[in-house]
Structure formats: structure tokens, C-alpha cells
Protein backbone atom coordinates (compact mmCIF):
# COMPACT_ATOMS: atom_id res chain seq x y z
CA MET A 1 -42.53 -31.72 -2.50
CA SER A 2 -44.68 -34.35 -0.91
CA LYS A 3 -47.33 -33.17 1.53
CA TYR A 4 -45.97 -35.76 3.97
CA ILE A 5 -42.49 -34.24 3.92
CA LYS A 6 -43.95 -30.79 4.62
CA SER A 7 -46.14 -32.18 7.41
CA LEU A 8 -43.16 -33.96 8.94
CA SER A 9 -41.21 -30.72 8.94
CA ASP A 10 -44.05 -28.74 10.49
CA ASN A 11 -44.79 -31.38 13.10
CA LEU A 12 -41.15 -31.76 14.10
CA LYS A 13 -40.86 -28.00 14.57
CA PHE A 14 -43.98 -28.05 16.74
CA LEU A 15 -42.88 -31.02 18.83
CA MET A 16 -39.38 -29.65 19.31
CA GLY A 17 -40.66 -26.44 20.86
CA GLU A 18 -37.58 -24.64 22.18
CA MET A 19 -35.28 -27.64 21.67
CA SER A 20 -32.48 -27.07 19.18
CA VAL A 21 -31.86 -29.33 16.22
CA SER A 22 -28.52 -30.28 17.76
CA GLU A 23 -30.17 -31.32 21.02
CA LEU A 24 -32.76 -33.46 19.26
CA ALA A 25 -30.17 -34.98 16.95
CA GLU A 26 -28.10 -36.05 19.94
CA LYS A 27 -31.11 -37.53 21.75
CA VAL A 28 -32.34 -39.59 18.77
CA LYS A 29 -28.89 -40.45 17.37
CA ILE A 30 -29.51 -38.85 13.97
CA PRO A 31 -26.68 -36.73 12.54
CA GLN A 32 -27.51 -33.04 12.97
CA PRO A 33 -27.07 -32.19 9.25
CA THR A 34 -29.46 -35.01 8.32
CA LEU A 35 -32.08 -33.89 10.83
CA SER A 36 -31.74 -30.30 9.62
CA ARG A 37 -32.40 -31.43 6.06
CA TYR A 38 -35.57 -33.21 7.18
CA ILE A 39 -36.78 -30.04 8.89
CA LEU A 40 -35.89 -27.92 5.85
CA CYS A 41 -37.70 -30.39 3.52
CA GLN A 42 -34.45 -31.06 1.68
CA ARG A 43 -34.26 -34.79 2.28
CA GLN A 44 -36.67 -37.70 2.58
CA ILE A 45 -36.56 -39.41 5.93
CA THR A 46 -35.51 -43.03 6.33
CA LEU A 47 -37.86 -45.45 8.01
CA ASP A 48 -35.40 -46.02 10.86
CA ASN A 49 -35.15 -42.30 11.55
CA LEU A 50 -38.91 -41.83 11.31
CA VAL A 51 -39.40 -44.56 13.90
CA ALA A 52 -36.71 -43.05 16.15
CA LEU A 53 -38.43 -39.65 16.08
CA ALA A 54 -41.89 -41.14 16.64
CA ASP A 55 -40.56 -43.13 19.59
CA TYR A 56 -38.77 -40.14 21.08
CA PHE A 57 -41.86 -37.92 20.92
CA ASN A 58 -44.13 -40.85 21.80
CA VAL A 59 -46.42 -40.24 18.82
CA ASP A 60 -47.74 -42.34 15.98
CA ILE A 61 -45.77 -42.23 12.73
CA ASP A 62 -49.03 -41.20 11.05
CA ILE A 63 -49.09 -38.11 13.26
CA LEU A 64 -45.55 -37.14 12.30
CA VAL A 65 -46.31 -37.34 8.58
CA GLY A 66 -49.70 -35.65 8.84
CA ARG A 67 -51.99 -38.63 8.19
CA LYS A 68 -53.55 -38.19 11.64
CA GLU A 69 -53.95 -35.16 13.86
CA PHE A 70 -52.46 -34.77 17.32
């Protein structure tokens, strides 16, 4: 597993806080099963979905994938 996939998973969990996967999926228009697979490190994220998540959380893509710190 890529270190970026693991970092994405960890950072999404952190940013979500108490928000459920279903809630986030609805807000960013990503199917819930797809988002769950990203969080479980079972699927590589698409660029469009990475941008959608970065925009929603108002963070740099590099932060989401662990290339920069919060």
C-alpha cells in the first residue's frame, strides 16, 4: 500500500471528526461505498474525488495525501 493512500485515509478520518461516511459522501457527491473504500485503503482515489474532498475541507491536496502537514 502506498504511503499516500494510508495518509489520505488517516487524514480523512481526522478531518471528518464525528461526521459519518454517509454524511460526507452526500456532501461531496461521492458514492458512499467508494468513499468507504478510500477510508479503508481498499481503492485508489480519482483526481476528481481528491479535488472534491480537498475543496470540501478547504485544505491543500498535498495535506490530504500527507505530503504537507496541517
